[in-house]
């Protein structure tokens, strides 16, 4: 793996559908007809790799983020 790449997974709009793409990668990991299906695939990968999953809206902005590994900024209290 390229040292600049991380295991974080992004659910992104892709050619009229949805895709899962590893952070820093140009290629998509998988393509899905619905965002729900892409989220399920990305969640499985993120859980296995103990990383984060970022869900993007249709406009490309991040709308949700989930951590499945050690949290770098755990809540206080």
PDB file of N, CA and C in Angstrom:
ATOM      1  N   UNK A   1       0.846  -1.174   0.000  1.00  0.00           N
ATOM      2  CA  UNK A   1       0.000   0.000   0.000  1.00  0.00           C
ATOM      3  C   UNK A   1       0.890   1.235   0.000  1.00  0.00           C
ATOM      4  N   UNK A   2       0.460   2.252  -0.696  1.00  0.00           N
ATOM      5  CA  UNK A   2       1.159   3.527  -0.729  1.00  0.00           C
ATOM      6  C   UNK A   2       1.180   4.109   0.677  1.00  0.00           C
ATOM      7  N   UNK A   3       2.337   4.614   1.167  1.00  0.00           N
ATOM      8  CA  UNK A   3       2.411   5.130   2.529  1.00  0.00           C
ATOM      9  C   UNK A   3       1.440   6.272   2.797  1.00  0.00           C
ATOM     10  N   UNK A   4       1.018   7.008   1.769  1.00  0.00           N
ATOM     11  CA  UNK A   4       0.094   8.114   1.962  1.00  0.00           C
ATOM     12  C   UNK A   4      -1.352   7.641   2.053  1.00  0.00           C
ATOM     13  N   UNK A   5      -1.616   6.395   1.694  1.00  0.00           N
ATOM     14  CA  UNK A   5      -2.966   5.872   1.758  1.00  0.00           C
ATOM     15  C   UNK A   5      -3.287   5.401   3.168  1.00  0.00           C
ATOM     16  N   UNK A   6      -4.548   5.505   3.523  1.00  0.00           N
ATOM     17  CA  UNK A   6      -4.995   4.959   4.800  1.00  0.00           C
ATOM     18  C   UNK A   6      -6.046   3.896   4.505  1.00  0.00           C
ATOM     19  N   UNK A   7      -6.535   3.276   5.546  1.00  0.00           N
ATOM     20  CA  UNK A   7      -7.555   2.248   5.378  1.00  0.00           C
ATOM     21  C   UNK A   7      -8.964   2.829   5.391  1.00  0.00           C
ATOM     22  N   UNK A   8      -9.087   4.152   5.531  1.00  0.00           N
ATOM     23  CA  UNK A   8     -10.407   4.772   5.586  1.00  0.00           C
ATOM     24  C   UNK A   8     -11.171   4.532   4.295  1.00  0.00           C
ATOM     25  N   UNK A   9     -12.477   4.312   4.448  1.00  0.00           N
ATOM     26  CA  UNK A   9     -13.336   4.016   3.310  1.00  0.00           C
ATOM     27  C   UNK A   9     -14.321   5.156   3.096  1.00  0.00           C
ATOM     28  N   UNK A  10     -14.531   5.527   1.832  1.00  0.00           N
ATOM     29  CA  UNK A  10     -15.447   6.607   1.480  1.00  0.00           C
ATOM     30  C   UNK A  10     -16.560   6.060   0.595  1.00  0.00           C
ATOM     31  N   UNK A  11     -17.801   6.401   0.939  1.00  0.00           N
ATOM     32  CA  UNK A  11     -18.962   6.088   0.100  1.00  0.00           C
ATOM     33  C   UNK A  11     -19.211   7.339  -0.727  1.00  0.00           C
ATOM     34  N   UNK A  12     -19.046   7.235  -2.037  1.00  0.00           N
ATOM     35  CA  UNK A  12     -19.082   8.408  -2.917  1.00  0.00           C
ATOM     36  C   UNK A  12     -20.027   8.185  -4.102  1.00  0.00           C
ATOM     37  N   UNK A  13     -20.620   9.283  -4.616  1.00  0.00           N
ATOM     38  CA  UNK A  13     -21.393   9.147  -5.849  1.00  0.00           C
ATOM     39  C   UNK A  13     -20.446   8.786  -6.994  1.00  0.00           C
ATOM     40  N   UNK A  14     -20.914   7.899  -7.884  1.00  0.00           N
ATOM     41  CA  UNK A  14     -20.029   7.423  -8.956  1.00  0.00           C
ATOM     42  C   UNK A  14     -20.857   7.019 -10.174  1.00  0.00           C
ATOM     43  N   UNK A  15     -20.754   7.791 -11.232  1.00  0.00           N
ATOM     44  CA  UNK A  15     -21.404   7.470 -12.517  1.00  0.00           C
ATOM     45  C   UNK A  15     -22.887   7.130 -12.367  1.00  0.00           C
ATOM     46  N   UNK A  16     -23.616   7.981 -11.668  1.00  0.00           N
ATOM     47  CA  UNK A  16     -25.046   7.778 -11.495  1.00  0.00           C
ATOM     48  C   UNK A  16     -25.422   6.739 -10.458  1.00  0.00           C
ATOM     49  N   UNK A  17     -24.460   6.197  -9.767  1.00  0.00           N
ATOM     50  CA  UNK A  17     -24.708   5.201  -8.723  1.00  0.00           C
ATOM     51  C   UNK A  17     -23.843   5.576  -7.506  1.00  0.00           C
ATOM     52  N   UNK A  18     -23.417   4.581  -6.754  1.00  0.00           N
ATOM     53  CA  UNK A  18     -22.589   4.794  -5.563  1.00  0.00           C
ATOM     54  C   UNK A  18     -21.418   3.831  -5.577  1.00  0.00           C
ATOM     55  N   UNK A  19     -20.315   4.256  -4.963  1.00  0.00           N
ATOM     56  CA  UNK A  19     -19.127   3.413  -4.919  1.00  0.00           C
ATOM     57  C   UNK A  19     -18.450   3.523  -3.564  1.00  0.00           C
ATOM     58  N   UNK A  20     -17.653   2.522  -3.267  1.00  0.00           N
ATOM     59  CA  UNK A  20     -16.772   2.534  -2.102  1.00  0.00           C
ATOM     60  C   UNK A  20     -15.372   2.756  -2.639  1.00  0.00           C
ATOM     61  N   UNK A  21     -14.668   3.729  -2.055  1.00  0.00           N
ATOM     62  CA  UNK A  21     -13.314   4.049  -2.496  1.00  0.00           C
ATOM     63  C   UNK A  21     -12.429   4.200  -1.263  1.00  0.00           C
ATOM     64  N   UNK A  22     -11.277   3.541  -1.277  1.00  0.00           N
ATOM     65  CA  UNK A  22     -10.316   3.695  -0.186  1.00  0.00           C
ATOM     66  C   UNK A  22      -9.707   5.088  -0.265  1.00  0.00           C
ATOM     67  N   UNK A  23      -9.483   5.688   0.870  1.00  0.00           N
ATOM     68  CA  UNK A  23      -8.912   7.029   0.921  1.00  0.00           C
ATOM     69  C   UNK A  23      -7.570   7.067   0.205  1.00  0.00           C
ATOM     70  N   UNK A  24      -7.398   8.027  -0.670  1.00  0.00           N
ATOM     71  CA  UNK A  24      -6.147   8.188  -1.405  1.00  0.00           C
ATOM     72  C   UNK A  24      -6.073   7.379  -2.685  1.00  0.00           C
ATOM     73  N   UNK A  25      -7.080   6.559  -2.950  1.00  0.00           N
ATOM     74  CA  UNK A  25      -7.072   5.711  -4.133  1.00  0.00           C
ATOM     75  C   UNK A  25      -7.873   6.364  -5.263  1.00  0.00           C
ATOM     76  N   UNK A  26      -7.402   6.199  -6.470  1.00  0.00           N
ATOM     77  CA  UNK A  26      -8.130   6.679  -7.641  1.00  0.00           C
ATOM     78  C   UNK A  26      -9.201   5.680  -8.074  1.00  0.00           C
ATOM     79  N   UNK A  27      -8.985   4.415  -7.784  1.00  0.00           N
ATOM     80  CA  UNK A  27      -9.894   3.354  -8.218  1.00  0.00           C
ATOM     81  C   UNK A  27     -10.925   3.071  -7.137  1.00  0.00           C
ATOM     82  N   UNK A  28     -12.125   2.682  -7.570  1.00  0.00           N
ATOM     83  CA  UNK A  28     -13.162   2.309  -6.611  1.00  0.00           C
ATOM     84  C   UNK A  28     -12.983   0.834  -6.231  1.00  0.00           C
ATOM     85  N   UNK A  29     -13.339   0.534  -5.012  1.00  0.00           N
ATOM     86  CA  UNK A  29     -13.265  -0.835  -4.511  1.00  0.00           C
ATOM     87  C   UNK A  29     -14.461  -1.641  -4.990  1.00  0.00           C
ATOM     88  N   UNK A  30     -15.652  -1.006  -4.946  1.00  0.00           N
ATOM     89  CA  UNK A  30     -16.870  -1.674  -5.399  1.00  0.00           C
ATOM     90  C   UNK A  30     -17.897  -0.628  -5.820  1.00  0.00           C
ATOM     91  N   UNK A  31     -18.828  -1.045  -6.704  1.00  0.00           N
ATOM     92  CA  UNK A  31     -19.902  -0.176  -7.202  1.00  0.00           C
ATOM     93  C   UNK A  31     -21.248  -0.747  -6.762  1.00  0.00           C
ATOM     94  N   UNK A  32     -22.206   0.158  -6.483  1.00  0.00           N
ATOM     95  CA  UNK A  32     -23.515  -0.262  -5.969  1.00  0.00           C
ATOM     96  C   UNK A  32     -24.604   0.622  -6.556  1.00  0.00           C
ATOM     97  N   UNK A  33     -25.790   0.063  -6.722  1.00  0.00           N
ATOM     98  CA  UNK A  33     -26.897   0.839  -7.284  1.00  0.00           C
ATOM     99  C   UNK A  33     -27.508   1.783  -6.255  1.00  0.00           C
ATOM    100  N   UNK A  34     -27.374   1.460  -4.962  1.00  0.00           N
ATOM    101  CA  UNK A  34     -27.928   2.323  -3.918  1.00  0.00           C
ATOM    102  C   UNK A  34     -26.842   2.732  -2.928  1.00  0.00           C
ATOM    103  N   UNK A  35     -27.068   3.868  -2.288  1.00  0.00           N
ATOM    104  CA  UNK A  35     -26.127   4.321  -1.269  1.00  0.00           C
ATOM    105  C   UNK A  35     -26.153   3.362  -0.076  1.00  0.00           C
ATOM    106  N   UNK A  36     -27.320   2.826   0.235  1.00  0.00           N
ATOM    107  CA  UNK A  36     -27.450   1.883   1.360  1.00  0.00           C
ATOM    108  C   UNK A  36     -26.555   0.661   1.157  1.00  0.00           C
ATOM    109  N   UNK A  37     -26.546   0.127  -0.039  1.00  0.00           N
ATOM    110  CA  UNK A  37     -25.701  -1.039  -0.328  1.00  0.00           C
ATOM    111  C   UNK A  37     -24.221  -0.668  -0.227  1.00  0.00           C
ATOM    112  N   UNK A  38     -23.865   0.511  -0.717  1.00  0.00           N
ATOM    113  CA  UNK A  38     -22.470   0.960  -0.640  1.00  0.00           C
ATOM    114  C   UNK A  38     -22.046   1.163   0.817  1.00  0.00           C
ATOM    115  N   UNK A  39     -22.937   1.707   1.628  1.00  0.00           N
ATOM    116  CA  UNK A  39     -22.638   1.907   3.052  1.00  0.00           C
ATOM    117  C   UNK A  39     -22.389   0.569   3.733  1.00  0.00           C
ATOM    118  N   UNK A  40     -23.197  -0.427   3.431  1.00  0.00           N
ATOM    119  CA  UNK A  40     -23.005  -1.756   4.020  1.00  0.00           C
ATOM    120  C   UNK A  40     -21.653  -2.346   3.665  1.00  0.00           C
ATOM    121  N   UNK A  41     -21.253  -2.202   2.397  1.00  0.00           N
ATOM    122  CA  UNK A  41     -19.956  -2.725   1.958  1.00  0.00           C
ATOM    123  C   UNK A  41     -18.817  -1.964   2.621  1.00  0.00           C
ATOM    124  N   UNK A  42     -18.930  -0.637   2.671  1.00  0.00           N
ATOM    125  CA  UNK A  42     -17.877   0.184   3.280  1.00  0.00           C
ATOM    126  C   UNK A  42     -17.760  -0.095   4.775  1.00  0.00           C
ATOM    127  N   UNK A  43     -18.893  -0.292   5.436  1.00  0.00           N
ATOM    128  CA  UNK A  43     -18.888  -0.585   6.874  1.00  0.00           C
ATOM    129  C   UNK A  43     -18.144  -1.893   7.154  1.00  0.00           C
ATOM    130  N   UNK A  44     -18.404  -2.911   6.359  1.00  0.00           N
ATOM    131  CA  UNK A  44     -17.731  -4.197   6.536  1.00  0.00           C
ATOM    132  C   UNK A  44     -16.218  -4.042   6.390  1.00  0.00           C
ATOM    133  N   UNK A  45     -15.794  -3.326   5.366  1.00  0.00           N
ATOM    134  CA  UNK A  45     -14.356  -3.122   5.148  1.00  0.00           C
ATOM    135  C   UNK A  45     -13.754  -2.330   6.303  1.00  0.00           C
ATOM    136  N   UNK A  46     -14.422  -1.232   6.707  1.00  0.00           N
ATOM    137  CA  UNK A  46     -13.902  -0.392   7.791  1.00  0.00           C
ATOM    138  C   UNK A  46     -13.819  -1.166   9.107  1.00  0.00           C
ATOM    139  N   UNK A  47     -14.811  -2.006   9.378  1.00  0.00           N
ATOM    140  CA  UNK A  47     -14.774  -2.811  10.602  1.00  0.00           C
ATOM    141  C   UNK A  47     -13.622  -3.802  10.559  1.00  0.00           C
ATOM    142  N   UNK A  48     -13.429  -4.461   9.425  1.00  0.00           N
ATOM    143  CA  UNK A  48     -12.335  -5.429   9.290  1.00  0.00           C
ATOM    144  C   UNK A  48     -10.968  -4.772   9.408  1.00  0.00           C
ATOM    145  N   UNK A  49     -10.850  -3.542   8.903  1.00  0.00           N
ATOM    146  CA  UNK A  49      -9.564  -2.845   8.910  1.00  0.00           C
ATOM    147  C   UNK A  49      -9.413  -1.906  10.102  1.00  0.00           C
ATOM    148  N   UNK A  50     -10.439  -1.871  10.961  1.00  0.00           N
ATOM    149  CA  UNK A  50     -10.443  -0.992  12.129  1.00  0.00           C
ATOM    150  C   UNK A  50     -10.107   0.448  11.721  1.00  0.00           C
ATOM    151  N   UNK A  51     -10.890   0.951  10.784  1.00  0.00           N
ATOM    152  CA  UNK A  51     -10.652   2.288  10.241  1.00  0.00           C
ATOM    153  C   UNK A  51     -11.935   3.109  10.297  1.00  0.00           C
ATOM    154  N   UNK A  52     -11.987   4.184   9.520  1.00  0.00           N
ATOM    155  CA  UNK A  52     -13.153   5.045   9.500  1.00  0.00           C
ATOM    156  C   UNK A  52     -13.901   4.913   8.184  1.00  0.00           C
ATOM    157  N   UNK A  53     -15.196   5.238   8.235  1.00  0.00           N
ATOM    158  CA  UNK A  53     -16.025   5.257   7.041  1.00  0.00           C
ATOM    159  C   UNK A  53     -16.606   6.659   6.922  1.00  0.00           C
ATOM    160  N   UNK A  54     -16.483   7.236   5.734  1.00  0.00           N
ATOM    161  CA  UNK A  54     -17.035   8.554   5.447  1.00  0.00           C
ATOM    162  C   UNK A  54     -18.135   8.395   4.411  1.00  0.00           C
ATOM    163  N   UNK A  55     -19.314   8.924   4.702  1.00  0.00           N
ATOM    164  CA  UNK A  55     -20.434   8.863   3.771  1.00  0.00           C
ATOM    165  C   UNK A  55     -20.606  10.250   3.166  1.00  0.00           C
ATOM    166  N   UNK A  56     -20.526  10.312   1.840  1.00  0.00           N
ATOM    167  CA  UNK A  56     -20.658  11.582   1.128  1.00  0.00           C
ATOM    168  C   UNK A  56     -22.083  11.726   0.599  1.00  0.00           C
ATOM    169  N   UNK A  57     -22.548  12.973   0.513  1.00  0.00           N
ATOM    170  CA  UNK A  57     -23.832  13.279  -0.116  1.00  0.00           C
ATOM    171  C   UNK A  57     -23.648  13.304  -1.631  1.00  0.00           C
ATOM    172  N   UNK A  58     -24.740  13.455  -2.368  1.00  0.00           N
ATOM    173  CA  UNK A  58     -24.651  13.504  -3.824  1.00  0.00           C
ATOM    174  C   UNK A  58     -23.755  14.639  -4.319  1.00  0.00           C
ATOM    175  N   UNK A  59     -23.666  15.728  -3.551  1.00  0.00           N
ATOM    176  CA  UNK A  59     -22.825  16.853  -3.956  1.00  0.00           C
ATOM    177  C   UNK A  59     -21.356  16.656  -3.581  1.00  0.00           C
ATOM    178  N   UNK A  60     -21.036  15.523  -2.970  1.00  0.00           N
ATOM    179  CA  UNK A  60     -19.656  15.204  -2.634  1.00  0.00           C
ATOM    180  C   UNK A  60     -19.226  15.568  -1.227  1.00  0.00           C
ATOM    181  N   UNK A  61     -20.030  16.379  -0.522  1.00  0.00           N
ATOM    182  CA  UNK A  61     -19.673  16.760   0.845  1.00  0.00           C
ATOM    183  C   UNK A  61     -19.878  15.595   1.799  1.00  0.00           C
ATOM    184  N   UNK A  62     -19.002  15.500   2.800  1.00  0.00           N
ATOM    185  CA  UNK A  62     -19.137  14.455   3.817  1.00  0.00           C
ATOM    186  C   UNK A  62     -20.347  14.786   4.677  1.00  0.00           C
ATOM    187  N   UNK A  63     -21.261  13.816   4.811  1.00  0.00           N
ATOM    188  CA  UNK A  63     -22.454  14.032   5.620  1.00  0.00           C
ATOM    189  C   UNK A  63     -22.462  13.211   6.899  1.00  0.00           C
ATOM    190  N   UNK A  64     -21.613  12.188   6.947  1.00  0.00           N
ATOM    191  CA  UNK A  64     -21.550  11.333   8.136  1.00  0.00           C
ATOM    192  C   UNK A  64     -20.188  10.665   8.190  1.00  0.00           C
ATOM    193  N   UNK A  65     -19.753  10.368   9.419  1.00  0.00           N
ATOM    194  CA  UNK A  65     -18.443   9.730   9.623  1.00  0.00           C
ATOM    195  C   UNK A  65     -18.588   8.752  10.783  1.00  0.00           C
ATOM    196  N   UNK A  66     -18.060   7.542  10.605  1.00  0.00           N
ATOM    197  CA  UNK A  66     -18.120   6.523  11.652  1.00  0.00           C
ATOM    198  C   UNK A  66     -16.739   5.910  11.844  1.00  0.00           C
ATOM    199  N   UNK A  67     -16.365   5.730  13.106  1.00  0.00           N
ATOM    200  CA  UNK A  67     -15.076   5.139  13.443  1.00  0.00           C
ATOM    201  C   UNK A  67     -15.285   3.711  13.929  1.00  0.00           C
ATOM    202  N   UNK A  68     -14.520   2.775  13.362  1.00  0.00           N
ATOM    203  CA  UNK A  68     -14.629   1.368  13.752  1.00  0.00           C
ATOM    204  C   UNK A  68     -13.335   0.836  14.361  1.00  0.00           C
ATOM    205  N   UNK A  69     -12.388   1.706  14.621  1.00  0.00           N
ATOM    206  CA  UNK A  69     -11.134   1.319  15.247  1.00  0.00           C
ATOM    207  C   UNK A  69     -10.914   2.192  16.461  1.00  0.00           C
ATOM    208  N   UNK A  70      -9.683   2.256  16.925  1.00  0.00           N
ATOM    209  CA  UNK A  70      -9.385   3.128  18.068  1.00  0.00           C
ATOM    210  C   UNK A  70      -9.694   4.580  17.709  1.00  0.00           C
ATOM    211  N   UNK A  71     -10.472   5.242  18.544  1.00  0.00           N
ATOM    212  CA  UNK A  71     -10.854   6.629  18.305  1.00  0.00           C
ATOM    213  C   UNK A  71      -9.698   7.548  18.719  1.00  0.00           C
ATOM    214  N   UNK A  72      -9.215   8.354  17.783  1.00  0.00           N
ATOM    215  CA  UNK A  72      -8.105   9.262  18.056  1.00  0.00           C
ATOM    216  C   UNK A  72      -8.531  10.411  18.972  1.00  0.00           C
ATOM    217  N   UNK A  73      -9.814  10.726  19.016  1.00  0.00           N
ATOM    218  CA  UNK A  73     -10.340  11.822  19.848  1.00  0.00           C
ATOM    219  C   UNK A  73     -11.566  11.337  20.617  1.00  0.00           C
ATOM    220  N   UNK A  74     -11.367  10.465  21.600  1.00  0.00           N
ATOM    221  CA  UNK A  74     -12.535   9.943  22.315  1.00  0.00           C
ATOM    222  C   UNK A  74     -13.220  11.060  23.112  1.00  0.00           C
ATOM    223  N   UNK A  75     -14.533  10.951  23.311  1.00  0.00           N
ATOM    224  CA  UNK A  75     -15.246  11.976  24.078  1.00  0.00           C
ATOM    225  C   UNK A  75     -14.787  11.986  25.527  1.00  0.00           C
ATOM    226  N   UNK A  76     -14.805  13.166  26.143  1.00  0.00           N
ATOM    227  CA  UNK A  76     -14.403  13.311  27.551  1.00  0.00           C
ATOM    228  C   UNK A  76     -15.625  13.085  28.422  1.00  0.00           C
ATOM    229  N   UNK A  77     -15.445  12.300  29.476  1.00  0.00           N
ATOM    230  CA  UNK A  77     -16.517  12.091  30.457  1.00  0.00           C
ATOM    231  C   UNK A  77     -17.412  11.050  30.061  1.00  0.00           C
TER     232      UNK A  77
END
